Amino acid sequence: MKRTIAIICWALGFLAWSAVPVNAQNTDRAVPASAVQIQLSFAPLVKQSAPAVVNIFTRAEVSRSPLGGFGDDMFGSPFSRQTEKVQTALGSGVIVSNEGLVVTNYHVISEGTEVEVVLTDKREFVAEVIFTDSASDLALLTIDPEGDDLPTLSLGDSDGLEVGDLVLAIGNPFGVGQTTTMGIVSALARTGVGITEVGSFIQTDASINPGNSGGALVDMNGNLIGINTAIYSRSGSSAGIGFAIPANFVANTLRALENGGGTVVRPWLGIKGEDVTRQMANILKLEGSGGFLVDDVYDPSPAFEASIQTGDVILSLNSAEILSSAEMRYAVANSLVGDTMIARVFRQDEILDIVLNLTAPPEVPAREETQLTGRHPLQGASVINLSPAVSQELDLPGKWTGVVISEVPGGSIAARQGFREGDVIRSANREVIKTVVELEEVLAAARSRRWSFILDRAGRTVTYRLAY
């Protein structure tokens, strides 16, 4: 753990050292003025940047019967014995410190039990996953260079980007080998594109294809200004619309990891809400459209302590305009526990500036993990009380009360009935469930073999009617 934190400190120190020249050089933009300038090459920039972009291989063990589906049904037969097969997936990553810190996408390594990093000079390293965040699709790995030098890319200032800036995308598309493509920044602060729960992406027309995920988006100063993450495509290949996680969000994640001693805890406000539409703006007598309408305030929370009220419209945070709930989530996620934010709020024809002191989400009530026993459809499943802290840990945004299934062992009654980890139990036999104790009481009191459950699953409401 100490080595991990030291690596993060090194990376952040390099970021602070490089921030000034990045901003200074961004003011020297100019379009090509002659045919000679058009013929200039990106080769020196590629030679400088590409060695720090690595291939990432993941391996996962899967069980399979020698006879396929037939063997699974032949209990007690030697043919039901299973063999192991290794599957390999491929993506990209970027080395950001000479100590071996590698940034990639969560989806690149999420299915793997073993992760291997391969450099362009053919060196191979077994990697340790030190941080994953599915909500932002980020993952951090460490490799041990054993005293050897590693090529690195320094984190640039992605807030200094402008639409039209030239960029290079470097990665390993389709597993054909390292490839560099060139394009421009075609849009900034893209939110609500359905890629991640939390994100405000750099959009580029530099070709990004499968296998590029986790690779580098590099500016003309040779700085890493984004982690290539996804494309918009109907064919699966590049259509000229690619998205990258901004480098400043990566740097903020590294700071949170350092401050948390190896654990990232993102701040929260403790509010729920929705986008302000043009029709809503007219009803509220609010000029223009956009903003975040507060529907609920959690007590206690930073928003509650600052007297944010239901019906308030948050127009900006720290002078950054808020036009949607996606921008609201990103602005908070891109801050640190302990930060102070100034929220500009519209309330009953008034504009107010309110100070918010960001805190970590509390674990209230305590999770009280319980494995359910007895004769009922949830037998064998483990459940915990929801809280703001558990909600963040399990990527359940906005779900702060209730009971969530934390584990469903394979072969258990609950697994056979179709219950899954992450299901939030809202009601059982038409009784609203708020705590683990309430769920146990409802299950124990049932006198019928007919059961009904209402669940929240991956953003959808699911109703189960069972006979057991």
Protein backbone atom coordinates (compact mmCIF):
# COMPACT_ATOMS: atom_id res chain seq x y z
CA MET A 1 0.00 0.00 0.00
CA LYS A 2 2.85 2.43 0.82
CA ARG A 3 4.41 1.75 -2.57
CA THR A 4 1.07 2.45 -4.27
CA ILE A 5 0.64 5.79 -2.51
CA ALA A 6 4.25 6.73 -3.33
CA ILE A 7 3.57 6.03 -7.02
CA ILE A 8 0.48 8.24 -6.93
CA CYS A 9 2.37 11.07 -5.21
CA TRP A 10 5.05 10.85 -7.92
CA ALA A 11 2.44 11.10 -10.67
CA LEU A 12 0.74 14.07 -9.03
CA GLY A 13 4.06 15.83 -8.53
CA PHE A 14 4.82 15.40 -12.22
CA LEU A 15 1.39 16.83 -13.07
CA ALA A 16 1.99 19.92 -10.93
CA TRP A 17 5.45 20.39 -12.48
CA SER A 18 4.14 20.18 -16.05
CA ALA A 19 0.93 22.24 -15.67
CA VAL A 20 2.44 25.70 -16.28
CA PRO A 21 4.16 25.06 -19.61
CA VAL A 22 1.04 23.28 -20.93
CA ASN A 23 -1.10 26.36 -20.37
CA ALA A 24 1.59 28.67 -21.68
CA GLN A 25 2.03 26.75 -24.93
CA ASN A 26 -1.69 26.45 -25.59
CA THR A 27 -1.77 30.19 -26.36
CA ASP A 28 0.48 29.66 -29.42
CA ARG A 29 -2.10 27.93 -31.62
CA ALA A 30 -1.90 28.72 -35.34
CA VAL A 31 -3.27 27.17 -38.53
CA PRO A 32 -0.75 26.05 -41.21
CA ALA A 33 0.34 29.10 -43.23
CA SER A 34 2.14 27.39 -46.10
CA ALA A 35 2.53 24.12 -48.00
CA VAL A 36 5.80 23.56 -46.15
CA GLN A 37 4.05 23.71 -42.79
CA ILE A 38 1.36 21.29 -43.99
CA GLN A 39 4.09 18.76 -44.83
CA LEU A 40 5.49 18.79 -41.30
CA SER A 41 5.47 15.37 -39.58
CA PHE A 42 4.06 14.12 -36.28
CA ALA A 43 6.78 11.44 -36.15
CA PRO A 44 8.88 13.08 -33.39
CA LEU A 45 5.77 13.43 -31.21
CA VAL A 46 4.81 9.80 -31.81
CA LYS A 47 8.33 8.58 -30.97
CA GLN A 48 8.15 10.54 -27.72
CA SER A 49 4.65 9.41 -26.70
CA ALA A 50 3.98 5.93 -28.08
CA PRO A 51 6.39 3.90 -25.88
CA ALA A 52 4.32 4.81 -22.78
CA VAL A 53 1.17 3.30 -24.32
CA VAL A 54 0.99 -0.40 -23.46
CA ASN A 55 -1.00 -3.47 -24.41
CA ILE A 56 -3.10 -5.01 -21.64
CA PHE A 57 -4.02 -8.69 -21.68
CA THR A 58 -6.48 -10.17 -19.22
CA ARG A 59 -7.08 -13.83 -18.51
CA ALA A 60 -10.10 -15.40 -16.85
CA GLU A 61 -10.67 -19.01 -15.93
CA VAL A 62 -14.00 -20.48 -16.98
CA SER A 63 -15.48 -23.86 -16.20
CA ARG A 64 -16.83 -26.00 -18.99
CA SER A 65 -18.05 -29.56 -19.22
CA PRO A 66 -16.18 -31.81 -21.69
CA LEU A 67 -19.56 -32.73 -23.18
CA GLY A 68 -20.93 -29.16 -23.30
CA GLY A 69 -24.49 -28.90 -22.04
CA PHE A 70 -25.02 -32.68 -21.80
CA GLY A 71 -22.41 -33.21 -19.09
CA ASP A 72 -23.96 -30.61 -16.80
CA ASP A 73 -27.08 -32.73 -16.33
CA MET A 74 -25.33 -36.02 -15.64
CA PHE A 75 -24.90 -35.65 -11.88
CA GLY A 76 -22.59 -38.23 -10.34
CA SER A 77 -21.25 -39.18 -13.77
CA PRO A 78 -17.55 -38.81 -14.61
CA PHE A 79 -18.71 -36.86 -17.67
CA SER A 80 -19.97 -34.05 -15.40
CA ARG A 81 -16.44 -33.19 -14.32
CA GLN A 82 -15.42 -29.81 -15.64
CA THR A 83 -12.22 -28.58 -17.17
CA GLU A 84 -10.77 -25.07 -17.15
CA LYS A 85 -10.25 -22.91 -20.16
CA VAL A 86 -8.39 -19.59 -20.30
CA GLN A 87 -9.90 -16.69 -22.20
CA THR A 88 -7.82 -13.66 -23.18
CA ALA A 89 -9.05 -10.12 -23.74
CA LEU A 90 -7.04 -7.20 -25.14
CA GLY A 91 -6.99 -3.46 -24.47
CA SER A 92 -4.60 -0.57 -23.97
CA GLY A 93 -3.20 1.45 -21.08
CA VAL A 94 -0.86 4.36 -20.36
CA ILE A 95 2.14 4.46 -17.99
CA VAL A 96 2.01 7.74 -16.07
CA SER A 97 4.86 7.26 -13.59
CA ASN A 98 8.33 5.77 -13.71
CA GLU A 99 7.33 3.79 -10.60
CA GLY A 100 4.89 1.74 -12.68
CA LEU A 101 1.44 3.36 -12.39
CA VAL A 102 -0.76 2.45 -15.38
CA VAL A 103 -4.11 4.05 -16.24
CA THR A 104 -6.71 2.16 -18.28
CA ASN A 105 -10.46 1.61 -18.56
CA TYR A 106 -12.43 -0.45 -16.07
CA HIS A 107 -14.09 -2.43 -18.85
CA VAL A 108 -10.67 -3.50 -20.17
CA ILE A 109 -9.81 -5.44 -17.00
CA SER A 110 -13.21 -6.06 -15.38
CA GLU A 111 -13.59 -9.70 -16.47
CA GLY A 112 -10.00 -10.76 -15.86
CA THR A 113 -8.51 -12.63 -12.92
CA GLU A 114 -4.97 -12.05 -14.19
CA VAL A 115 -3.70 -8.89 -15.90
CA GLU A 116 -0.53 -8.60 -17.96
CA VAL A 117 1.06 -5.42 -19.34
CA VAL A 118 3.25 -5.58 -22.46
CA LEU A 119 5.40 -2.63 -23.55
CA THR A 120 6.35 -1.73 -27.12
CA ASP A 121 9.90 -2.95 -26.39
CA LYS A 122 8.37 -6.40 -25.64
CA ARG A 123 8.92 -6.26 -21.87
CA GLU A 124 6.14 -8.06 -20.02
CA PHE A 125 4.88 -7.42 -16.48
CA VAL A 126 2.25 -8.98 -14.26
CA ALA A 127 0.04 -6.11 -13.09
CA GLU A 128 -1.77 -5.56 -9.81
CA VAL A 129 -5.17 -3.85 -9.96
CA ILE A 130 -5.20 -1.18 -7.24
CA PHE A 131 -8.37 0.73 -8.13
CA THR A 132 -11.50 0.23 -10.22
CA ASP A 133 -14.49 2.48 -10.74
CA SER A 134 -17.19 1.22 -13.07
CA ALA A 135 -19.17 4.46 -12.71
CA SER A 136 -16.42 6.44 -14.48
CA ASP A 137 -14.89 3.44 -16.34
CA LEU A 138 -11.45 4.03 -14.82
CA ALA A 139 -8.93 1.51 -13.48
CA LEU A 140 -5.41 1.90 -12.08
CA LEU A 141 -2.75 -0.80 -12.21
CA THR A 142 0.79 -1.06 -10.91
CA ILE A 143 3.71 -2.95 -12.39
CA ASP A 144 7.12 -3.47 -10.80
CA PRO A 145 9.91 -2.28 -13.14
CA GLU A 146 12.51 -3.79 -10.79
CA GLY A 147 14.74 -0.74 -11.07
CA ASP A 148 14.52 -0.39 -14.86
CA ASP A 149 13.39 2.84 -16.48
CA LEU A 150 9.88 3.02 -17.86
CA PRO A 151 8.58 5.31 -20.61
CA THR A 152 5.91 7.66 -19.25
CA LEU A 153 3.40 10.25 -20.37
CA SER A 154 2.76 13.25 -18.16
CA LEU A 155 -0.81 14.31 -17.43
CA GLY A 156 -1.72 17.51 -19.25
CA ASP A 157 -4.35 20.11 -18.45
CA SER A 158 -7.47 18.89 -20.24
CA ASP A 159 -9.35 22.03 -19.14
CA GLY A 160 -7.08 23.99 -21.49
CA LEU A 161 -8.36 22.16 -24.57
CA GLU A 162 -10.39 23.92 -27.22
CA VAL A 163 -12.53 22.54 -30.02
CA GLY A 164 -10.29 22.30 -33.07
CA ASP A 165 -7.07 21.38 -31.24
CA LEU A 166 -5.04 18.64 -32.93
CA VAL A 167 -4.72 15.36 -31.02
CA LEU A 168 -3.24 11.89 -31.51
CA ALA A 169 -4.95 8.66 -30.42
CA ILE A 170 -2.55 5.81 -29.62
CA GLY A 171 -3.56 2.25 -28.83
CA ASN A 172 -3.84 -1.30 -30.15
CA PRO A 173 -7.01 -1.53 -32.28
CA PHE A 174 -8.24 -5.04 -33.13
CA GLY A 175 -4.99 -6.45 -31.71
CA VAL A 176 -3.10 -5.62 -34.93
CA GLY A 177 -0.34 -3.80 -33.04
CA GLN A 178 0.22 -0.28 -31.79
CA THR A 179 -1.42 2.29 -34.04
CA THR A 180 -1.48 6.10 -34.05
CA THR A 181 -4.29 8.13 -35.58
CA MET A 182 -4.68 11.90 -35.83
CA GLY A 183 -7.69 14.16 -35.55
CA ILE A 184 -9.06 17.16 -33.73
CA VAL A 185 -11.02 17.80 -30.56
CA SER A 186 -14.51 17.94 -32.04
CA ALA A 187 -16.44 18.71 -28.83
CA LEU A 188 -15.90 19.12 -25.10
CA ALA A 189 -17.83 18.24 -21.94
CA ARG A 190 -19.99 15.61 -23.60
CA THR A 191 -22.38 14.19 -21.00
CA GLY A 192 -25.44 11.98 -21.14
CA VAL A 193 -24.06 9.85 -23.99
CA GLY A 194 -24.79 6.58 -22.18
CA ILE A 195 -21.18 5.46 -21.77
CA THR A 196 -20.78 5.72 -18.02
CA GLU A 197 -22.74 6.79 -14.97
CA VAL A 198 -20.29 9.63 -14.33
CA GLY A 199 -18.50 11.34 -17.18
CA SER A 200 -17.88 14.52 -19.14
CA PHE A 201 -15.97 13.41 -22.20
CA ILE A 202 -13.59 14.86 -24.74
CA GLN A 203 -14.97 14.07 -28.19
CA THR A 204 -12.54 13.52 -31.07
CA ASP A 205 -12.62 12.40 -34.70
CA ALA A 206 -9.25 10.66 -34.36
CA SER A 207 -10.02 7.05 -35.26
CA ILE A 208 -10.67 4.90 -32.17
CA ASN A 209 -11.54 1.23 -32.61
CA PRO A 210 -11.99 -1.87 -30.40
CA GLY A 211 -8.68 -2.46 -28.60
CA ASN A 212 -7.99 1.28 -28.30
CA SER A 213 -9.87 1.39 -25.00
CA GLY A 214 -7.58 2.61 -22.23
CA GLY A 215 -5.11 4.12 -24.71
CA ALA A 216 -3.80 7.66 -24.89
CA LEU A 217 -5.23 10.84 -26.34
CA VAL A 218 -2.18 13.11 -26.69
CA ASP A 219 -1.94 16.84 -27.37
CA MET A 220 0.67 18.57 -29.51
CA ASN A 221 2.91 19.10 -26.47
CA GLY A 222 3.16 15.35 -25.91
CA ASN A 223 0.97 15.40 -22.82
CA LEU A 224 -1.72 12.86 -21.98
CA ILE A 225 -4.99 14.80 -22.11
CA GLY A 226 -7.44 11.89 -22.22
CA ILE A 227 -7.97 8.12 -21.85
CA ASN A 228 -9.71 6.77 -24.95
CA THR A 229 -12.85 5.02 -23.77
CA ALA A 230 -15.63 4.51 -26.32
CA ILE A 231 -16.88 5.22 -29.80
CA TYR A 232 -20.25 6.06 -31.27
CA SER A 233 -20.79 3.57 -34.07
CA ARG A 234 -23.50 1.44 -35.63
CA SER A 235 -20.99 -0.91 -37.23
CA GLY A 236 -18.57 -1.41 -34.31
CA SER A 237 -15.80 0.45 -36.14
CA SER A 238 -14.81 4.10 -35.97
CA ALA A 239 -17.37 6.53 -37.37
CA GLY A 240 -15.39 9.61 -36.44
CA ILE A 241 -16.96 10.11 -33.02
CA GLY A 242 -14.80 8.89 -30.15
CA PHE A 243 -14.84 9.75 -26.46
CA ALA A 244 -12.02 10.10 -23.94
CA ILE A 245 -11.99 10.60 -20.16
CA PRO A 246 -10.32 13.99 -19.46
CA ALA A 247 -6.85 13.88 -17.90
CA ASN A 248 -7.93 16.27 -15.15
CA PHE A 249 -10.51 13.72 -13.97
CA VAL A 250 -7.78 11.08 -13.90
CA ALA A 251 -5.53 13.43 -11.88
CA ASN A 252 -8.36 14.12 -9.45
CA THR A 253 -8.88 10.37 -8.99
CA LEU A 254 -5.17 9.98 -8.20
CA ARG A 255 -5.43 12.73 -5.58
CA ALA A 256 -8.48 11.06 -4.03
CA LEU A 257 -6.60 7.75 -3.94
CA GLU A 258 -3.65 9.41 -2.22
CA ASN A 259 -5.86 11.21 0.29
CA GLY A 260 -7.77 8.01 1.02
CA GLY A 261 -4.66 5.94 1.68
CA GLY A 262 -5.32 3.69 -1.30
CA THR A 263 -9.12 3.97 -1.38
CA VAL A 264 -11.10 6.42 -3.49
CA VAL A 265 -14.08 7.99 -1.74
CA ARG A 266 -15.85 10.54 -3.88
CA PRO A 267 -17.77 13.36 -2.21
CA TRP A 268 -21.51 13.69 -2.31
CA LEU A 269 -24.10 16.42 -1.86
CA GLY A 270 -27.05 14.37 -0.64
CA ILE A 271 -29.62 15.51 -3.17
CA LYS A 272 -31.77 13.90 -5.84
CA GLY A 273 -33.20 15.77 -8.77
CA GLU A 274 -33.84 16.06 -12.49
CA ASP A 275 -33.03 18.16 -15.54
CA VAL A 276 -34.88 21.44 -15.96
CA THR A 277 -36.71 21.35 -19.30
CA ARG A 278 -37.87 24.43 -21.20
CA GLN A 279 -41.44 23.79 -20.09
CA MET A 280 -40.35 23.53 -16.45
CA ALA A 281 -38.30 26.71 -16.81
CA ASN A 282 -41.39 28.56 -18.04
CA ILE A 283 -43.43 27.34 -15.07
CA LEU A 284 -40.67 28.35 -12.64
CA LYS A 285 -40.25 31.71 -14.43
CA LEU A 286 -36.61 30.88 -14.98
CA GLU A 287 -34.83 32.52 -17.90
CA GLY A 288 -33.63 29.97 -20.46
CA SER A 289 -33.57 26.22 -19.87
CA GLY A 290 -31.12 23.94 -18.13
CA GLY A 291 -30.20 23.48 -14.50
CA PHE A 292 -30.75 20.82 -11.85
CA LEU A 293 -34.11 20.80 -10.04
CA VAL A 294 -33.79 19.46 -6.49
CA ASP A 295 -36.49 16.86 -5.74
CA ASP A 296 -35.20 15.52 -2.42
CA VAL A 297 -32.57 16.42 0.21
CA TYR A 298 -31.04 13.73 2.41
CA ASP A 299 -30.73 14.46 6.14
CA PRO A 300 -27.92 14.71 7.15
CA SER A 301 -25.87 15.79 4.12
CA PRO A 302 -23.84 18.79 2.86
CA ALA A 303 -26.90 20.04 0.97
CA PHE A 304 -29.10 19.77 4.07
CA GLU A 305 -26.53 21.55 6.24
CA ALA A 306 -26.31 24.34 3.64
CA SER A 307 -30.13 24.70 3.62
CA ILE A 308 -30.63 23.54 0.03
CA GLN A 309 -34.37 23.00 -0.35
CA THR A 310 -36.69 20.87 -2.47
CA GLY A 311 -37.67 22.99 -5.47
CA ASP A 312 -34.32 24.81 -5.68
CA VAL A 313 -32.70 24.93 -9.13
CA ILE A 314 -28.90 24.67 -9.12
CA LEU A 315 -27.60 26.79 -11.99
CA SER A 316 -23.84 26.47 -11.46
CA LEU A 317 -21.16 24.98 -9.22
CA ASN A 318 -17.97 26.99 -8.75
CA SER A 319 -19.01 29.15 -11.73
CA ALA A 320 -19.33 26.10 -14.01
CA GLU A 321 -22.77 26.15 -15.62
CA ILE A 322 -24.98 23.16 -14.80
CA LEU A 323 -27.30 22.28 -17.68
CA SER A 324 -28.23 18.71 -16.73
CA SER A 325 -28.14 16.10 -13.97
CA ALA A 326 -25.22 14.41 -15.79
CA GLU A 327 -23.16 17.61 -15.48
CA MET A 328 -24.19 17.85 -11.84
CA ARG A 329 -22.93 14.30 -11.10
CA TYR A 330 -19.66 14.92 -12.91
CA ALA A 331 -18.97 18.24 -11.16
CA VAL A 332 -19.32 16.59 -7.74
CA ALA A 333 -17.39 13.45 -8.74
CA ASN A 334 -14.56 15.64 -10.04
CA SER A 335 -14.15 17.23 -6.60
CA LEU A 336 -12.52 15.96 -3.42
CA VAL A 337 -13.85 15.23 0.06
CA GLY A 338 -13.20 18.39 2.07
CA ASP A 339 -13.56 20.75 -0.90
CA THR A 340 -15.85 23.78 -0.75
CA MET A 341 -18.17 24.58 -3.65
CA ILE A 342 -20.25 27.65 -4.35
CA ALA A 343 -23.67 26.74 -5.72
CA ARG A 344 -25.67 29.39 -7.55
CA VAL A 345 -29.30 28.58 -6.81
CA PHE A 346 -32.59 29.89 -8.18
CA ARG A 347 -35.26 29.96 -5.46
CA GLN A 348 -38.63 31.69 -5.77
CA ASP A 349 -37.48 34.42 -8.17
CA GLU A 350 -34.22 34.95 -6.27
CA ILE A 351 -30.63 34.03 -7.13
CA LEU A 352 -28.64 32.82 -4.11
CA ASP A 353 -24.99 31.82 -3.69
CA ILE A 354 -24.75 28.94 -1.21
CA VAL A 355 -21.55 27.44 0.23
CA LEU A 356 -21.37 23.63 0.18
CA ASN A 357 -18.78 21.76 2.26
CA LEU A 358 -18.30 18.39 0.56
CA THR A 359 -18.09 15.32 2.79
CA ALA A 360 -17.79 11.57 2.34
CA PRO A 361 -21.12 9.72 2.13
CA PRO A 362 -22.07 8.32 5.56
CA GLU A 363 -22.73 4.67 6.29
CA VAL A 364 -26.00 5.30 8.12
CA PRO A 365 -27.66 2.96 8.85
CA ALA A 366 -24.99 0.31 9.42
CA ARG A 367 -24.99 -2.35 6.71
CA GLU A 368 -25.81 -5.32 9.04
CA GLU A 369 -24.91 -7.99 6.47
CA THR A 370 -27.18 -11.00 6.96
CA GLN A 371 -27.45 -14.33 5.16
CA LEU A 372 -31.13 -15.18 4.82
CA THR A 373 -32.28 -18.58 6.06
CA GLY A 374 -35.68 -20.27 6.17
CA ARG A 375 -38.08 -21.52 3.53
CA HIS A 376 -38.57 -18.68 1.06
CA PRO A 377 -37.35 -17.64 -2.42
CA LEU A 378 -34.46 -15.55 -1.01
CA GLN A 379 -32.91 -18.44 0.92
CA GLY A 380 -29.11 -18.35 0.77
CA ALA A 381 -28.80 -14.72 -0.36
CA SER A 382 -26.96 -12.16 1.77
CA VAL A 383 -28.45 -8.69 2.17
CA ILE A 384 -27.28 -5.37 3.61
CA ASN A 385 -28.87 -2.06 4.53
CA LEU A 386 -28.45 0.64 1.92
CA SER A 387 -26.77 3.89 2.92
CA PRO A 388 -25.10 6.68 0.94
CA ALA A 389 -21.72 4.98 1.46
CA VAL A 390 -22.98 1.57 0.30
CA SER A 391 -24.72 3.23 -2.64
CA GLN A 392 -21.43 4.73 -3.82
CA GLU A 393 -19.53 1.50 -3.18
CA LEU A 394 -21.99 -0.55 -5.27
CA ASP A 395 -22.56 2.12 -7.96
CA LEU A 396 -26.22 2.63 -7.07
CA PRO A 397 -26.52 6.41 -7.56
CA GLY A 398 -29.38 8.08 -5.73
CA LYS A 399 -30.48 4.91 -3.88
CA TRP A 400 -29.75 5.72 -0.24
CA THR A 401 -32.34 3.71 1.68
CA GLY A 402 -33.64 0.15 1.48
CA VAL A 403 -32.10 -3.31 1.34
CA VAL A 404 -29.71 -4.55 -1.35
CA ILE A 405 -28.64 -8.12 -2.15
CA SER A 406 -24.87 -8.27 -1.61
CA GLU A 407 -24.25 -11.92 -2.52
CA VAL A 408 -26.12 -14.75 -4.24
CA PRO A 409 -24.16 -18.02 -4.01
CA GLY A 410 -24.35 -20.23 -7.05
CA GLY A 411 -26.80 -23.08 -6.57
CA SER A 412 -28.70 -21.35 -3.77
CA ILE A 413 -32.50 -21.10 -3.80
CA ALA A 414 -32.19 -17.33 -4.39
CA ALA A 415 -29.95 -17.89 -7.42
CA ARG A 416 -32.35 -20.45 -8.88
CA GLN A 417 -35.22 -18.02 -8.47
CA GLY A 418 -33.33 -15.41 -10.49
CA PHE A 419 -32.26 -12.94 -7.79
CA ARG A 420 -28.96 -11.14 -8.46
CA GLU A 421 -26.28 -9.25 -6.60
CA GLY A 422 -27.13 -5.53 -6.66
CA ASP A 423 -30.90 -6.05 -6.66
CA VAL A 424 -32.53 -3.50 -4.35
CA ILE A 425 -35.57 -4.99 -2.60
CA ARG A 426 -38.30 -2.37 -2.46
CA SER A 427 -41.16 -4.55 -1.27
CA ALA A 428 -41.90 -8.16 -0.31
CA ASN A 429 -45.48 -9.47 -0.30
CA ARG A 430 -46.66 -5.87 -0.76
CA GLU A 431 -44.84 -4.71 2.39
CA VAL A 432 -42.40 -1.82 1.88
CA ILE A 433 -38.89 -2.87 2.91
CA LYS A 434 -36.58 -0.29 4.45
CA THR A 435 -34.19 -2.39 6.58
CA VAL A 436 -32.75 -5.89 6.80
CA VAL A 437 -34.74 -6.46 10.01
CA GLU A 438 -38.01 -5.56 8.26
CA LEU A 439 -37.20 -7.97 5.41
CA GLU A 440 -36.50 -10.83 7.85
CA GLU A 441 -39.77 -10.15 9.66
CA VAL A 442 -41.81 -10.20 6.43
CA LEU A 443 -40.15 -13.43 5.26
CA ALA A 444 -40.71 -15.13 8.63
CA ALA A 445 -44.37 -14.04 8.84
CA ALA A 446 -45.40 -15.38 5.41
CA ARG A 447 -48.05 -18.12 5.52
CA SER A 448 -48.50 -18.71 1.81
CA ARG A 449 -46.37 -20.31 -0.88
CA ARG A 450 -47.13 -17.38 -3.16
CA TRP A 451 -44.61 -14.55 -3.10
CA SER A 452 -44.29 -11.14 -4.71
CA PHE A 453 -41.23 -8.89 -4.77
CA ILE A 454 -40.58 -5.50 -6.33
CA LEU A 455 -36.91 -4.86 -7.11
CA ASP A 456 -34.77 -2.11 -8.56
CA ARG A 457 -32.36 -3.75 -10.98
CA ALA A 458 -29.86 -1.78 -13.10
CA GLY A 459 -32.17 1.22 -13.26
CA ARG A 460 -35.32 -0.80 -13.99
CA THR A 461 -38.23 -1.88 -11.81
CA VAL A 462 -38.67 -5.66 -11.79
CA THR A 463 -41.66 -7.49 -10.33
CA TYR A 464 -41.30 -11.13 -9.24
CA ARG A 465 -44.38 -13.29 -8.58
CA LEU A 466 -43.32 -16.73 -7.42
CA ALA A 467 -44.74 -19.92 -6.00
CA TYR A 468 -42.35 -21.59 -3.59
